[in-house]
Amino acid sequence: MVTSTMVASPMTAAPLDPVTHADVAVVGAGPGGAAAAAHLAARGRDVVVLDKDRFPRDKVCGDGLTPRVIRELLDLGLHDEAHGRAEGFAVQRGLRIHGGSVAMELPWPELDDWPNWGGTATRRVFDLTLARAAQRAGARLAEQHAVTGPVWRDPSQSRVAGVAWRDAEGRTGVVRAPVVIAADGAGGPMGKHLGITRRTERPMAVAARSYYRSSRADEPWISSFLDLTDADGQLLSGYGWVFPLDDGTINVGLGLLSTSAEFGAVSYRGLLESWSAGMAGQWETTPANRVGAVKTGPIPMGFNKTPLHQRGVLLVGDAGGMVNPMNGEGISYAMEAARLAAEVVDHTLSTRRTSDLDAYDRALRERIGGYYTLGRIFTELVGDPRVMRICTTYGMPYRPLMRLVFKMMAHLTDDRPADAKDVILNSLQRLAPAA
């Protein structure tokens, strides 16, 4: 288990040799990359993970851990973290959803396939925890090693043979590996070198986030806001969140969808500051309580980078645009994709058939492609704040409806459900084309 001592005192790794050989090179040690490395190393594979930063490091995120994330933590053996017993991790009972004049508390659903609790942890804590878990499993982690591009097996670039890197001191080298997992984020170098560009017909968002000291940081609910207003009561674009953390602060952020008319035409920092000022009386989000600067970052959604396997490179997490369009959550999908990638890569290393890696793309589309198609329809609707206002005005007062909406947005149903709501949601996902 990862203890608080381990978090405070990061493990170190020896510098890479100019030419290093491995079974798999993983680019990026965020949740997707670290989880993939941990799963592969646990299967006995020689894995090298390269990250351009040094841990602990920040990432623009809501810091929320849904039950889908909790299940992945449990699967990795990180039980103290999953149960909120490790420093920096807190347990959350469910969602407090705000819309119009209504605030409704919805516990995480009781299901056979998923834990009935969620949590929060800053990305500084969470990413460090997973990176060190990968190391303990046997993966080699090279921090401050920026990958500059793929190494090809032949001049035709038909098949990857590893990656090239440059470290913080200017040293260069290569990791030679027959398979590469690219978990290097929305703007990472691997996708660019492969010629993969964002599918503009699929949604994305931009998030703005900051931290505030607050006496409400010990609340057992994460909060979601379906409509935002400033201090004068004016309606703002986007959706918002307040997530309580273990360190006495709250993560306050908002996202603006690409389907919104204001996308790309407003100051995201300005939006967050206006909204924070409007709720300072309830959440203590005053300038004096703010910790650090407002930061912004992209949220790539709904498989907006495809194909997910190309020439021996598998895209995981934000590199493949895997964020849920319904709720802006991406950690769980990165970790689930990482687990699947490890299974497929381990099998392919045994068969030595590159074509077997195509199973990764197919399986992900089968599992969540239909749901993401529904999510793209959802973003078209809620991108208009007037539509959102109608939905919150007439939908929020009805708790049974909101429970159904909550399960759909959180993507939490049993595979073999006894509940009618799960049957409906599963049927919708199966009927939607997994494009």
Protein backbone atom coordinates (compact mmCIF):
# COMPACT_ATOMS: atom_id res chain seq x y z
CA MET A 1 0.00 0.00 0.00
CA VAL A 2 1.02 3.59 -0.55
CA THR A 3 1.52 5.25 2.81
CA SER A 4 1.69 8.95 3.62
CA THR A 5 5.44 8.53 4.10
CA MET A 6 5.77 7.28 0.55
CA VAL A 7 3.81 10.25 -0.77
CA ALA A 8 6.02 12.68 1.13
CA SER A 9 9.24 10.97 0.09
CA PRO A 10 9.11 10.08 -3.63
CA MET A 11 10.99 7.04 -4.84
CA THR A 12 13.80 7.64 -7.28
CA ALA A 13 14.98 5.76 -10.34
CA ALA A 14 18.36 5.50 -12.01
CA PRO A 15 18.82 7.55 -15.20
CA LEU A 16 18.07 5.74 -18.42
CA ASP A 17 20.91 4.47 -20.57
CA PRO A 18 21.23 6.14 -24.01
CA VAL A 19 19.73 2.97 -25.46
CA THR A 20 17.30 1.13 -23.19
CA HIS A 21 15.37 -1.99 -24.15
CA ALA A 22 11.95 -2.91 -22.83
CA ASP A 23 8.83 -4.86 -23.71
CA VAL A 24 6.68 -1.72 -23.59
CA ALA A 25 7.41 2.00 -23.53
CA VAL A 26 4.73 4.08 -21.82
CA VAL A 27 4.67 7.79 -22.61
CA GLY A 28 3.18 9.78 -19.74
CA ALA A 29 2.81 8.74 -16.09
CA GLY A 30 -0.63 10.17 -15.39
CA PRO A 31 -3.46 7.84 -14.30
CA GLY A 32 -3.66 6.09 -17.68
CA GLY A 33 0.05 5.59 -18.20
CA ALA A 34 0.82 4.65 -14.61
CA ALA A 35 -2.08 2.20 -14.42
CA ALA A 36 -1.07 0.55 -17.70
CA ALA A 37 2.51 0.23 -16.46
CA ALA A 38 1.39 -1.21 -13.13
CA HIS A 39 -0.83 -3.83 -14.80
CA LEU A 40 1.84 -4.83 -17.32
CA ALA A 41 4.63 -5.00 -14.75
CA ALA A 42 2.41 -7.16 -12.55
CA ARG A 43 2.14 -9.54 -15.51
CA GLY A 44 5.92 -9.78 -15.62
CA ARG A 45 6.52 -7.42 -18.53
CA ASP A 46 9.52 -5.09 -18.67
CA VAL A 47 8.03 -1.58 -18.79
CA VAL A 48 9.67 1.83 -19.01
CA VAL A 49 7.49 4.88 -18.24
CA LEU A 50 8.67 8.33 -19.32
CA ASP A 51 7.19 11.59 -18.05
CA LYS A 52 8.32 15.10 -18.90
CA ASP A 53 7.66 16.37 -15.36
CA ARG A 54 8.87 15.51 -11.90
CA PHE A 55 6.42 14.23 -9.31
CA PRO A 56 4.47 15.49 -7.54
CA ARG A 57 3.03 17.73 -10.24
CA ASP A 58 -0.29 19.46 -10.88
CA LYS A 59 -2.96 18.86 -13.51
CA VAL A 60 -6.03 20.95 -14.23
CA CYS A 61 -8.85 18.67 -13.05
CA GLY A 62 -11.82 18.54 -10.74
CA ASP A 63 -9.99 16.06 -8.47
CA GLY A 64 -13.14 13.94 -8.20
CA LEU A 65 -12.96 10.14 -7.99
CA THR A 66 -16.18 8.47 -9.10
CA PRO A 67 -17.07 4.87 -8.14
CA ARG A 68 -15.56 3.87 -11.50
CA VAL A 69 -12.21 5.25 -10.28
CA ILE A 70 -12.61 3.61 -6.89
CA ARG A 71 -13.02 0.23 -8.59
CA GLU A 72 -9.77 0.75 -10.50
CA LEU A 73 -7.94 1.70 -7.30
CA LEU A 74 -9.22 -1.45 -5.62
CA ASP A 75 -8.15 -3.51 -8.62
CA LEU A 76 -4.62 -2.10 -8.27
CA GLY A 77 -4.57 -3.03 -4.59
CA LEU A 78 -4.73 0.58 -3.39
CA HIS A 79 -7.33 -0.14 -0.71
CA ASP A 80 -6.32 2.57 1.78
CA GLU A 81 -6.59 5.20 -0.95
CA ALA A 82 -9.93 3.86 -2.18
CA HIS A 83 -11.38 3.94 1.34
CA GLY A 84 -10.00 7.39 2.20
CA ARG A 85 -7.58 6.07 4.79
CA ALA A 86 -4.45 7.40 3.05
CA GLU A 87 -3.29 10.97 3.46
CA GLY A 88 -4.71 13.22 0.74
CA PHE A 89 -7.70 10.97 -0.03
CA ALA A 90 -11.25 11.66 1.13
CA VAL A 91 -14.45 9.62 0.73
CA GLN A 92 -17.58 11.16 -0.78
CA ARG A 93 -21.12 9.81 -0.32
CA GLY A 94 -22.50 11.14 -3.58
CA LEU A 95 -23.48 14.20 -5.56
CA ARG A 96 -25.23 17.35 -4.46
CA ILE A 97 -26.69 18.70 -7.68
CA HIS A 98 -27.66 22.35 -7.98
CA GLY A 99 -30.05 23.67 -10.63
CA GLY A 100 -32.23 26.74 -10.52
CA SER A 101 -33.41 27.15 -6.93
CA VAL A 102 -33.12 23.44 -6.12
CA ALA A 103 -30.27 21.55 -4.48
CA MET A 104 -30.67 17.76 -4.27
CA GLU A 105 -28.39 15.20 -2.63
CA LEU A 106 -28.07 11.94 -4.56
CA PRO A 107 -26.03 9.12 -2.97
CA TRP A 108 -23.90 7.00 -5.27
CA PRO A 109 -26.14 4.12 -6.36
CA GLU A 110 -26.10 0.70 -4.70
CA LEU A 111 -24.96 -1.69 -7.45
CA ASP A 112 -23.39 -5.12 -7.77
CA ASP A 113 -20.72 -4.07 -10.28
CA TRP A 114 -19.54 -0.82 -8.67
CA PRO A 115 -18.59 0.52 -5.24
CA ASN A 116 -21.24 2.69 -3.60
CA TRP A 117 -18.86 5.52 -2.73
CA GLY A 118 -16.59 7.99 -4.45
CA GLY A 119 -13.77 10.21 -3.31
CA THR A 120 -11.51 13.17 -3.94
CA ALA A 121 -7.76 13.69 -4.12
CA THR A 122 -5.68 16.38 -5.76
CA ARG A 123 -3.89 15.32 -8.89
CA ARG A 124 -0.58 16.05 -7.14
CA VAL A 125 -1.43 13.30 -4.66
CA PHE A 126 -3.35 10.97 -6.98
CA ASP A 127 -0.87 10.90 -9.85
CA LEU A 128 2.09 10.47 -7.51
CA THR A 129 0.30 7.58 -5.82
CA LEU A 130 -0.27 5.74 -9.11
CA ALA A 131 3.22 6.45 -10.41
CA ARG A 132 4.79 4.96 -7.27
CA ALA A 133 2.40 2.00 -7.45
CA ALA A 134 3.69 1.32 -10.96
CA GLN A 135 7.25 1.44 -9.67
CA ARG A 136 6.50 -0.96 -6.84
CA ALA A 137 4.96 -3.34 -9.38
CA GLY A 138 8.30 -3.34 -11.20
CA ALA A 139 7.99 -0.63 -13.86
CA ARG A 140 10.94 1.69 -14.46
CA LEU A 141 9.90 5.36 -14.17
CA ALA A 142 11.99 8.06 -15.86
CA GLU A 143 10.88 11.46 -14.60
CA GLN A 144 11.82 14.66 -16.45
CA HIS A 145 12.27 12.66 -19.65
CA ALA A 146 10.31 14.35 -22.43
CA VAL A 147 9.48 12.04 -25.33
CA THR A 148 10.34 13.78 -28.61
CA GLY A 149 8.75 11.26 -30.94
CA PRO A 150 8.52 7.63 -32.02
CA VAL A 151 11.40 5.48 -33.23
CA TRP A 152 10.42 3.53 -36.34
CA ARG A 153 11.35 -0.01 -37.28
CA ASP A 154 11.84 0.87 -40.98
CA PRO A 155 11.99 3.96 -43.22
CA SER A 156 8.36 3.46 -44.30
CA GLN A 157 7.27 4.07 -40.67
CA SER A 158 4.98 1.07 -40.83
CA ARG A 159 5.68 -0.06 -37.28
CA VAL A 160 6.92 1.61 -34.13
CA ALA A 161 10.13 0.39 -32.50
CA GLY A 162 10.21 2.62 -29.43
CA VAL A 163 10.51 6.30 -28.51
CA ALA A 164 13.19 8.98 -28.42
CA TRP A 165 13.62 11.19 -25.36
CA ARG A 166 15.43 14.25 -24.00
CA ASP A 167 15.88 14.74 -20.26
CA ALA A 168 16.04 17.90 -18.15
CA GLU A 169 19.85 18.07 -18.53
CA GLY A 170 19.73 17.86 -22.31
CA ARG A 171 20.76 14.19 -22.56
CA THR A 172 19.09 12.25 -25.35
CA GLY A 173 18.39 8.60 -25.91
CA VAL A 174 15.89 6.00 -27.02
CA VAL A 175 13.79 3.31 -25.41
CA ARG A 176 13.48 0.45 -27.85
CA ALA A 177 10.23 -1.46 -27.44
CA PRO A 178 7.90 -3.30 -29.83
CA VAL A 179 4.81 -1.62 -28.33
CA VAL A 180 4.23 1.96 -27.19
CA ILE A 181 1.38 3.17 -25.01
CA ALA A 182 0.78 6.88 -25.53
CA ALA A 183 -0.76 8.39 -22.40
CA ASP A 184 0.78 11.81 -22.93
CA GLY A 185 -2.33 13.97 -22.75
CA ALA A 186 -4.46 15.97 -25.15
CA GLY A 187 -1.51 17.78 -26.71
CA GLY A 188 1.07 15.01 -26.41
CA PRO A 189 3.74 14.44 -29.06
CA MET A 190 2.91 10.85 -29.99
CA GLY A 191 -0.44 11.56 -31.61
CA LYS A 192 1.04 14.46 -33.54
CA HIS A 193 3.89 12.33 -34.90
CA LEU A 194 1.37 9.68 -35.90
CA GLY A 195 -0.64 12.29 -37.80
CA ILE A 196 -3.70 11.93 -35.55
CA THR A 197 -5.70 15.14 -35.27
CA ARG A 198 -8.74 16.05 -33.21
CA ARG A 199 -12.07 15.13 -34.73
CA THR A 200 -13.73 18.53 -34.72
CA GLU A 201 -17.24 17.11 -35.01
CA ARG A 202 -16.79 15.56 -31.58
CA PRO A 203 -17.10 17.60 -28.40
CA MET A 204 -14.45 19.02 -26.17
CA ALA A 205 -14.44 21.51 -23.35
CA VAL A 206 -12.10 23.89 -21.60
CA ALA A 207 -11.93 23.87 -17.81
CA ALA A 208 -10.91 26.60 -15.39
CA ARG A 209 -10.09 25.62 -11.83
CA SER A 210 -8.77 27.06 -8.58
CA TYR A 211 -8.54 26.14 -4.91
CA TYR A 212 -10.04 27.97 -1.93
CA ARG A 213 -9.67 27.52 1.80
CA SER A 214 -13.13 26.77 3.15
CA SER A 215 -14.78 25.55 6.33
CA ARG A 216 -16.92 23.33 4.07
CA ALA A 217 -13.94 21.24 2.93
CA ASP A 218 -15.04 18.36 5.16
CA GLU A 219 -18.41 17.86 3.46
CA PRO A 220 -19.21 14.30 2.30
CA TRP A 221 -20.76 15.44 -1.00
CA ILE A 222 -19.27 16.67 -4.25
CA SER A 223 -21.34 19.45 -5.77
CA SER A 224 -22.33 19.94 -9.40
CA PHE A 225 -23.94 23.09 -10.77
CA LEU A 226 -26.08 22.84 -13.88
CA ASP A 227 -26.49 26.59 -14.25
CA LEU A 228 -24.07 29.31 -13.19
CA THR A 229 -24.76 32.89 -12.13
CA ASP A 230 -22.48 35.77 -11.25
CA ALA A 231 -22.75 38.16 -8.30
CA ASP A 232 -25.49 40.12 -10.11
CA GLY A 233 -27.55 37.01 -10.81
CA GLN A 234 -26.73 36.95 -14.51
CA LEU A 235 -26.71 33.54 -16.22
CA LEU A 236 -23.26 32.35 -17.28
CA SER A 237 -22.33 29.67 -19.79
CA GLY A 238 -20.98 26.30 -18.71
CA TYR A 239 -21.30 23.85 -15.83
CA GLY A 240 -19.54 24.03 -12.50
CA TRP A 241 -18.32 21.97 -9.57
CA VAL A 242 -17.14 22.25 -5.99
CA PHE A 243 -15.21 19.25 -4.68
CA PRO A 244 -14.10 19.13 -1.00
CA LEU A 245 -10.58 17.91 -0.36
CA ASP A 246 -8.65 16.30 2.47
CA ASP A 247 -6.38 19.31 3.00
CA GLY A 248 -8.97 21.92 4.07
CA THR A 249 -9.51 23.35 0.61
CA ILE A 250 -12.18 22.99 -2.04
CA ASN A 251 -11.60 22.58 -5.76
CA VAL A 252 -13.82 25.09 -7.57
CA GLY A 253 -14.05 24.87 -11.32
CA LEU A 254 -16.16 25.18 -14.41
CA GLY A 255 -16.19 23.78 -17.90
CA LEU A 256 -17.41 25.29 -21.14
CA LEU A 257 -18.43 22.93 -23.94
CA SER A 258 -17.41 23.40 -27.55
CA THR A 259 -21.13 23.24 -28.40
CA SER A 260 -21.64 26.51 -26.53
CA ALA A 261 -21.89 29.71 -28.56
CA GLU A 262 -19.34 31.35 -26.24
CA PHE A 263 -16.70 28.64 -26.61
CA GLY A 264 -13.37 30.22 -27.48
CA ALA A 265 -14.78 33.72 -27.24
CA VAL A 266 -14.68 34.34 -23.49
CA SER A 267 -12.15 34.50 -20.69
CA TYR A 268 -12.42 31.21 -18.83
CA ARG A 269 -10.57 32.67 -15.89
CA GLY A 270 -12.98 35.59 -15.91
CA LEU A 271 -15.96 33.24 -15.94
CA LEU A 272 -14.63 31.34 -12.94
CA GLU A 273 -13.89 34.50 -11.00
CA SER A 274 -17.40 35.87 -11.72
CA TRP A 275 -19.05 32.65 -10.64
CA SER A 276 -16.87 32.31 -7.53
CA ALA A 277 -17.76 35.84 -6.50
CA GLY A 278 -21.44 35.02 -6.90
CA MET A 279 -21.31 32.13 -4.43
CA ALA A 280 -18.79 33.52 -1.94
CA GLY A 281 -21.48 33.81 0.73
CA GLN A 282 -22.15 30.07 0.64
CA TRP A 283 -18.70 28.64 -0.13
CA GLU A 284 -16.23 31.32 1.15
CA THR A 285 -14.79 31.66 -2.37
CA THR A 286 -13.30 35.08 -1.78
CA PRO A 287 -10.03 36.34 -3.28
CA ALA A 288 -8.48 36.22 0.20
CA ASN A 289 -9.26 32.51 0.49
CA ARG A 290 -7.97 31.54 -2.92
CA VAL A 291 -4.90 29.32 -2.93
CA GLY A 292 -2.77 29.67 -6.05
CA ALA A 293 -3.75 30.94 -9.46
CA VAL A 294 -6.71 30.06 -11.66
CA LYS A 295 -5.57 27.48 -14.21
CA THR A 296 -7.17 26.30 -17.42
CA GLY A 297 -6.86 23.18 -19.53
CA PRO A 298 -8.54 21.23 -22.36
CA ILE A 299 -11.02 18.40 -21.82
CA PRO A 300 -10.99 16.10 -24.89
CA MET A 301 -14.21 14.10 -25.07
CA GLY A 302 -15.97 11.17 -26.70
CA PHE A 303 -13.06 9.48 -28.53
CA ASN A 304 -12.13 12.65 -30.42
CA LYS A 305 -8.74 11.15 -31.34
CA THR A 306 -8.93 7.99 -33.46
CA PRO A 307 -7.89 5.34 -34.31
CA LEU A 308 -6.94 4.24 -30.81
CA HIS A 309 -4.33 1.83 -32.18
CA GLN A 310 -1.98 2.67 -35.02
CA ARG A 311 1.29 1.03 -36.03
CA GLY A 312 1.99 -0.44 -32.62
CA VAL A 313 0.97 2.65 -30.62
CA LEU A 314 -2.07 2.55 -28.33
CA LEU A 315 -3.71 5.81 -27.21
CA VAL A 316 -4.87 5.95 -23.59
CA GLY A 317 -6.76 8.67 -21.69
CA ASP A 318 -6.70 12.24 -22.95
CA ALA A 319 -4.38 11.22 -25.78
CA GLY A 320 -7.39 9.38 -27.22
CA GLY A 321 -10.00 11.93 -26.13
CA MET A 322 -11.59 9.56 -23.63
CA VAL A 323 -13.35 12.01 -21.30
CA ASN A 324 -17.03 11.30 -20.65
CA PRO A 325 -19.10 13.91 -22.57
CA MET A 326 -21.88 13.59 -19.99
CA ASN A 327 -19.92 14.77 -16.97
CA GLY A 328 -16.39 15.80 -17.97
CA GLU A 329 -14.78 12.94 -16.02
CA GLY A 330 -11.77 11.27 -17.56
CA ILE A 331 -9.70 9.57 -14.84
CA SER A 332 -11.76 6.39 -14.70
CA TYR A 333 -11.83 5.96 -18.49
CA ALA A 334 -8.08 6.43 -18.70
CA MET A 335 -7.56 3.78 -16.03
CA GLU A 336 -10.09 1.37 -17.55
CA ALA A 337 -8.50 1.80 -20.98
CA ALA A 338 -5.10 1.23 -19.37
CA ARG A 339 -6.25 -2.06 -17.88
CA LEU A 340 -7.61 -3.19 -21.24
CA ALA A 341 -4.44 -2.02 -23.01
CA ALA A 342 -2.33 -4.09 -20.62
CA GLU A 343 -4.41 -7.21 -21.34
CA VAL A 344 -4.19 -6.72 -25.11
CA VAL A 345 -0.48 -5.84 -25.11
CA ASP A 346 0.41 -8.77 -22.87
CA HIS A 347 -1.40 -11.12 -25.25
CA THR A 348 0.20 -9.52 -28.31
CA LEU A 349 3.70 -9.82 -26.86
CA SER A 350 3.05 -13.54 -26.55
CA THR A 351 1.62 -14.05 -30.05
CA ARG A 352 4.00 -11.54 -31.72
CA ARG A 353 1.17 -10.51 -34.08
CA THR A 354 0.90 -6.74 -34.32
CA SER A 355 -2.63 -7.09 -35.69
CA ASP A 356 -3.73 -8.42 -32.30
CA LEU A 357 -3.37 -4.88 -30.94
CA ASP A 358 -6.45 -3.91 -32.98
CA ALA A 359 -8.52 -5.69 -30.33
CA TYR A 360 -7.90 -2.70 -28.05
CA ASP A 361 -9.72 -0.25 -30.34
CA ARG A 362 -12.56 -2.67 -31.00
CA ALA A 363 -13.12 -3.57 -27.36
CA LEU A 364 -13.17 0.04 -26.17
CA ARG A 365 -15.72 1.02 -28.80
CA GLU A 366 -17.87 -1.98 -27.87
CA ARG A 367 -17.72 -1.14 -24.17
CA ILE A 368 -18.32 2.61 -24.18
CA GLY A 369 -18.70 3.74 -27.81
CA GLY A 370 -22.51 3.72 -27.69
CA TYR A 371 -22.50 5.63 -24.41
CA TYR A 372 -20.17 8.25 -25.86
CA THR A 373 -22.50 8.65 -28.84
CA LEU A 374 -25.31 9.45 -26.41
CA GLY A 375 -22.93 11.84 -24.70
CA ARG A 376 -22.29 13.73 -27.92
CA ILE A 377 -26.05 14.23 -28.34
CA PHE A 378 -26.19 15.40 -24.73
CA THR A 379 -23.52 18.05 -25.29
CA GLU A 380 -25.43 19.46 -28.26
CA LEU A 381 -28.46 19.98 -26.04
CA VAL A 382 -26.81 21.39 -22.93
CA GLY A 383 -24.44 23.65 -24.85
CA ASP A 384 -27.30 26.17 -24.95
CA PRO A 385 -27.80 27.68 -21.46
CA ARG A 386 -31.47 28.33 -22.27
CA VAL A 387 -32.02 24.60 -22.77
CA MET A 388 -30.22 23.92 -19.52
CA ARG A 389 -32.40 26.44 -17.70
CA ILE A 390 -35.56 24.71 -18.98
CA CYS A 391 -34.20 21.31 -17.93
CA THR A 392 -33.31 22.48 -14.44
CA THR A 393 -36.58 24.34 -13.95
CA TYR A 394 -38.84 21.45 -14.90
CA GLY A 395 -36.63 18.42 -14.19
CA MET A 396 -34.84 19.21 -10.94
CA PRO A 397 -37.91 19.04 -8.63
CA TYR A 398 -38.54 15.36 -9.53
CA ARG A 399 -36.22 13.09 -7.55
CA PRO A 400 -36.95 9.83 -9.48
CA LEU A 401 -36.08 11.58 -12.75
CA MET A 402 -32.90 13.05 -11.28
CA ARG A 403 -31.82 9.63 -10.01
CA LEU A 404 -32.13 8.31 -13.55
CA VAL A 405 -30.24 11.29 -14.96
CA PHE A 406 -27.56 10.89 -12.28
CA LYS A 407 -27.00 7.23 -13.14
CA MET A 408 -26.80 8.06 -16.83
CA MET A 409 -24.38 10.96 -16.40
CA ALA A 410 -22.21 9.00 -13.93
CA HIS A 411 -22.26 5.96 -16.25
CA LEU A 412 -23.15 3.59 -13.42
CA THR A 413 -25.31 0.57 -14.23
CA ASP A 414 -25.03 -3.16 -13.64
CA ASP A 415 -24.25 -5.37 -16.62
CA ARG A 416 -27.01 -7.76 -15.58
CA PRO A 417 -29.44 -5.38 -13.95
CA ALA A 418 -32.52 -6.08 -11.89
CA ASP A 419 -33.42 -2.38 -11.77
CA ALA A 420 -35.66 -1.02 -14.54
CA LYS A 421 -33.57 2.17 -14.80
CA ASP A 422 -30.46 0.13 -15.55
CA VAL A 423 -32.32 -1.87 -18.20
CA ILE A 424 -33.39 1.35 -19.93
CA LEU A 425 -29.92 2.91 -19.81
CA ASN A 426 -28.16 -0.24 -20.96
CA SER A 427 -30.59 -0.61 -23.85
CA LEU A 428 -29.95 2.98 -24.95
CA GLN A 429 -26.20 2.36 -24.94
CA ARG A 430 -26.53 -0.82 -26.98
CA LEU A 431 -28.82 0.81 -29.53
CA ALA A 432 -26.61 3.87 -30.02
CA PRO A 433 -24.01 3.41 -32.79
CA ALA A 434 -20.47 3.09 -31.45
CA ALA A 435 -18.91 5.44 -33.99
